[in-house]
N, C-alpha and C. Protein backbone atom coordinates (compact mmCIF):
# COMPACT_ATOMS: atom_id res chain seq x y z
N MET A 1 114.36 154.00 156.10
CA MET A 1 114.69 152.70 156.11
C MET A 1 116.01 152.43 155.43
N LYS A 2 117.05 151.81 156.08
CA LYS A 2 118.33 151.56 155.57
C LYS A 2 118.36 150.27 154.66
N SER A 3 119.04 150.41 153.60
CA SER A 3 119.16 149.13 152.88
C SER A 3 120.55 148.65 153.10
N THR A 4 120.78 147.37 153.08
CA THR A 4 122.02 146.72 153.30
C THR A 4 122.45 146.12 152.06
N GLN A 5 123.72 146.27 151.67
CA GLN A 5 124.23 145.80 150.49
C GLN A 5 125.19 144.67 150.83
N THR A 6 124.92 143.53 150.17
CA THR A 6 125.86 142.38 150.30
C THR A 6 126.68 142.24 148.97
N PRO A 7 128.00 141.86 149.21
CA PRO A 7 128.82 141.75 148.00
C PRO A 7 128.21 140.66 147.02
N THR A 8 128.19 141.05 145.79
CA THR A 8 127.75 140.07 144.73
C THR A 8 128.75 140.23 143.64
N ASP A 9 128.47 139.59 142.48
CA ASP A 9 129.37 139.62 141.36
C ASP A 9 129.15 141.13 140.77
N GLU A 10 128.11 141.83 141.00
CA GLU A 10 127.92 143.16 140.56
C GLU A 10 128.49 144.22 141.33
N THR A 11 128.99 143.79 142.62
CA THR A 11 129.56 144.76 143.49
C THR A 11 130.91 145.21 142.98
N PRO A 12 131.13 146.57 142.98
CA PRO A 12 132.42 147.06 142.47
C PRO A 12 133.59 146.45 143.33
N THR A 13 134.63 146.19 142.72
CA THR A 13 135.74 145.57 143.44
C THR A 13 136.20 146.27 144.56
N ALA A 14 136.03 147.64 144.63
CA ALA A 14 136.44 148.46 145.75
C ALA A 14 135.74 148.20 147.02
N LEU A 15 134.61 147.51 146.96
CA LEU A 15 133.90 147.12 148.13
C LEU A 15 134.19 145.68 148.59
N LYS A 16 134.69 144.84 147.67
CA LYS A 16 134.97 143.48 148.06
C LYS A 16 136.31 143.28 148.75
N ARG A 17 136.26 142.37 149.83
CA ARG A 17 137.46 142.06 150.52
C ARG A 17 138.23 140.92 149.68
N TRP A 18 137.52 139.92 149.24
CA TRP A 18 138.10 138.83 148.57
C TRP A 18 137.93 139.06 147.07
N LEU A 19 138.93 138.96 146.39
CA LEU A 19 139.02 139.31 144.99
C LEU A 19 139.32 137.98 144.15
N SER A 20 138.63 137.84 143.01
CA SER A 20 138.79 136.79 142.11
C SER A 20 139.99 137.16 141.24
N PRO A 21 140.54 136.27 140.43
CA PRO A 21 141.61 136.61 139.52
C PRO A 21 141.12 137.76 138.52
N ASP A 22 139.92 137.68 138.13
CA ASP A 22 139.36 138.70 137.17
C ASP A 22 139.36 140.12 137.95
N ASP A 23 138.89 140.09 139.25
CA ASP A 23 138.92 141.28 140.00
C ASP A 23 140.28 141.89 140.16
N LEU A 24 141.24 141.04 140.42
CA LEU A 24 142.59 141.45 140.58
C LEU A 24 143.15 142.11 139.33
N PHE A 25 142.83 141.56 138.26
CA PHE A 25 143.20 142.01 136.89
C PHE A 25 142.55 143.45 136.66
N LYS A 26 141.29 143.50 136.93
CA LYS A 26 140.52 144.74 136.71
C LYS A 26 141.05 145.92 137.56
N GLU A 27 141.34 145.61 138.85
CA GLU A 27 141.73 146.59 139.81
C GLU A 27 143.26 146.99 139.68
N PHE A 28 144.10 145.93 139.64
CA PHE A 28 145.52 146.21 139.72
C PHE A 28 146.30 145.91 138.49
N GLY A 29 145.64 145.30 137.46
CA GLY A 29 146.25 145.10 136.13
C GLY A 29 147.18 143.95 136.01
N PHE A 30 147.19 142.95 137.00
CA PHE A 30 147.99 141.76 136.91
C PHE A 30 147.23 140.83 135.93
N SER A 31 147.86 140.47 134.76
CA SER A 31 147.21 139.54 133.87
C SER A 31 147.04 138.19 134.56
N LYS A 32 146.16 137.31 134.05
CA LYS A 32 146.04 136.04 134.65
C LYS A 32 147.25 135.15 134.55
N SER A 33 147.92 135.30 133.41
CA SER A 33 149.12 134.44 133.32
C SER A 33 150.23 134.96 134.31
N ASN A 34 150.29 136.22 134.57
CA ASN A 34 151.29 136.85 135.54
C ASN A 34 150.79 136.33 136.99
N GLN A 35 149.59 136.25 137.22
CA GLN A 35 149.02 135.81 138.55
C GLN A 35 149.35 134.42 138.74
N ASP A 36 149.22 133.56 137.67
CA ASP A 36 149.58 132.10 137.77
C ASP A 36 151.08 131.97 138.10
N LYS A 37 151.92 132.71 137.42
CA LYS A 37 153.40 132.60 137.69
C LYS A 37 153.71 133.00 139.09
N LEU A 38 153.07 134.16 139.53
CA LEU A 38 153.39 134.58 140.96
C LEU A 38 152.89 133.57 141.91
N ARG A 39 151.78 132.99 141.71
CA ARG A 39 151.19 131.93 142.64
C ARG A 39 152.08 130.77 142.63
N MET A 40 152.53 130.22 141.47
CA MET A 40 153.33 129.02 141.37
C MET A 40 154.69 129.19 142.14
N ASN A 41 155.24 130.47 142.04
CA ASN A 41 156.52 130.73 142.70
C ASN A 41 156.31 131.24 144.21
N ARG A 42 154.98 131.20 144.59
CA ARG A 42 154.70 131.62 146.02
C ARG A 42 155.16 133.09 146.27
N LYS A 43 154.94 133.99 145.23
CA LYS A 43 155.44 135.29 145.42
C LYS A 43 154.23 136.27 145.68
N ILE A 44 153.03 135.82 145.58
CA ILE A 44 151.91 136.65 145.89
C ILE A 44 150.91 135.90 146.92
N PRO A 45 150.35 136.64 147.84
CA PRO A 45 149.50 135.89 148.82
C PRO A 45 148.18 135.62 148.22
N PHE A 46 147.71 134.41 148.43
CA PHE A 46 146.36 133.95 147.85
C PHE A 46 145.83 132.81 148.72
N SER A 47 144.53 132.59 148.68
CA SER A 47 143.95 131.51 149.16
C SER A 47 143.18 130.64 148.13
N LYS A 48 143.09 129.36 148.36
CA LYS A 48 142.51 128.55 147.43
C LYS A 48 141.51 127.62 148.22
N VAL A 49 140.31 127.58 147.75
CA VAL A 49 139.25 126.76 148.27
C VAL A 49 138.70 125.91 147.07
N GLY A 50 139.03 124.59 147.22
CA GLY A 50 138.75 123.70 146.08
C GLY A 50 139.54 124.22 144.80
N ARG A 51 138.78 124.51 143.75
CA ARG A 51 139.56 125.05 142.59
C ARG A 51 139.50 126.52 142.41
N TYR A 52 138.96 127.18 143.45
CA TYR A 52 138.78 128.64 143.31
C TYR A 52 139.87 129.49 144.04
N VAL A 53 140.56 130.32 143.31
CA VAL A 53 141.65 131.11 143.87
C VAL A 53 140.98 132.49 144.16
N ARG A 54 141.37 132.92 145.46
CA ARG A 54 140.89 134.29 145.87
C ARG A 54 142.09 134.98 146.45
N TYR A 55 142.07 136.28 146.33
CA TYR A 55 143.06 137.17 146.90
C TYR A 55 142.45 138.04 147.97
N ASP A 56 143.01 138.09 149.16
CA ASP A 56 142.56 138.95 150.16
C ASP A 56 143.09 140.40 149.90
N ARG A 57 142.15 141.30 149.71
CA ARG A 57 142.60 142.75 149.38
C ARG A 57 143.58 143.31 150.36
N LEU A 58 143.38 143.06 151.71
CA LEU A 58 144.31 143.53 152.69
C LEU A 58 145.70 142.97 152.54
N GLU A 59 145.75 141.71 152.22
CA GLU A 59 147.13 141.13 151.99
C GLU A 59 147.78 141.51 150.74
N ILE A 60 146.99 141.74 149.72
CA ILE A 60 147.53 142.32 148.49
C ILE A 60 148.06 143.73 148.70
N ASP A 61 147.31 144.56 149.37
CA ASP A 61 147.77 145.92 149.72
C ASP A 61 149.12 145.83 150.53
N LYS A 62 149.18 145.00 151.56
CA LYS A 62 150.42 144.82 152.25
C LYS A 62 151.54 144.32 151.32
N TRP A 63 151.30 143.37 150.53
CA TRP A 63 152.33 142.81 149.60
C TRP A 63 152.85 143.91 148.71
N LEU A 64 151.88 144.71 148.20
CA LEU A 64 152.39 145.81 147.27
C LEU A 64 153.29 146.82 148.04
N VAL A 65 152.95 147.19 149.26
CA VAL A 65 153.75 148.11 149.98
C VAL A 65 155.15 147.45 150.35
N ASN A 66 155.06 146.23 150.73
CA ASN A 66 156.35 145.49 151.03
C ASN A 66 157.25 145.27 149.84
N ASN A 67 156.65 145.26 148.63
CA ASN A 67 157.53 145.07 147.46
C ASN A 67 157.80 146.37 146.66
N LYS A 68 157.44 147.41 147.30
CA LYS A 68 157.66 148.77 146.65
C LYS A 68 159.27 148.94 146.38
N VAL A 69 159.52 149.47 145.27
CA VAL A 69 160.92 149.70 144.86
C VAL A 69 161.09 151.23 145.06
N ASP A 70 162.03 151.51 145.97
CA ASP A 70 162.35 152.93 146.25
C ASP A 70 163.14 153.59 145.15
N MET A 71 162.72 154.83 144.89
CA MET A 71 163.46 155.63 143.79
C MET A 71 164.66 156.27 144.45
N THR A 72 165.65 156.36 143.57
CA THR A 72 166.94 157.02 144.08
C THR A 72 166.95 158.33 143.31
N ALA A 73 167.43 159.37 144.02
CA ALA A 73 167.50 160.72 143.39
C ALA A 73 168.71 160.94 142.74
């Protein structure tokens, strides 16, 4: 018998598509104040439903790749 797991607050962030500000901090290390600044300046992709801010993991991954700083040899 297979058990199905649904995302909850106890689900590791690696399994969640939508991340809260706390999840983003835990996984990527962006402090909440840094997240606020990035959102205010429209530098980071986010969604807002009512007063809740959420980050789409797929968009954050793309954003990180697109903002990669190339190293020079």
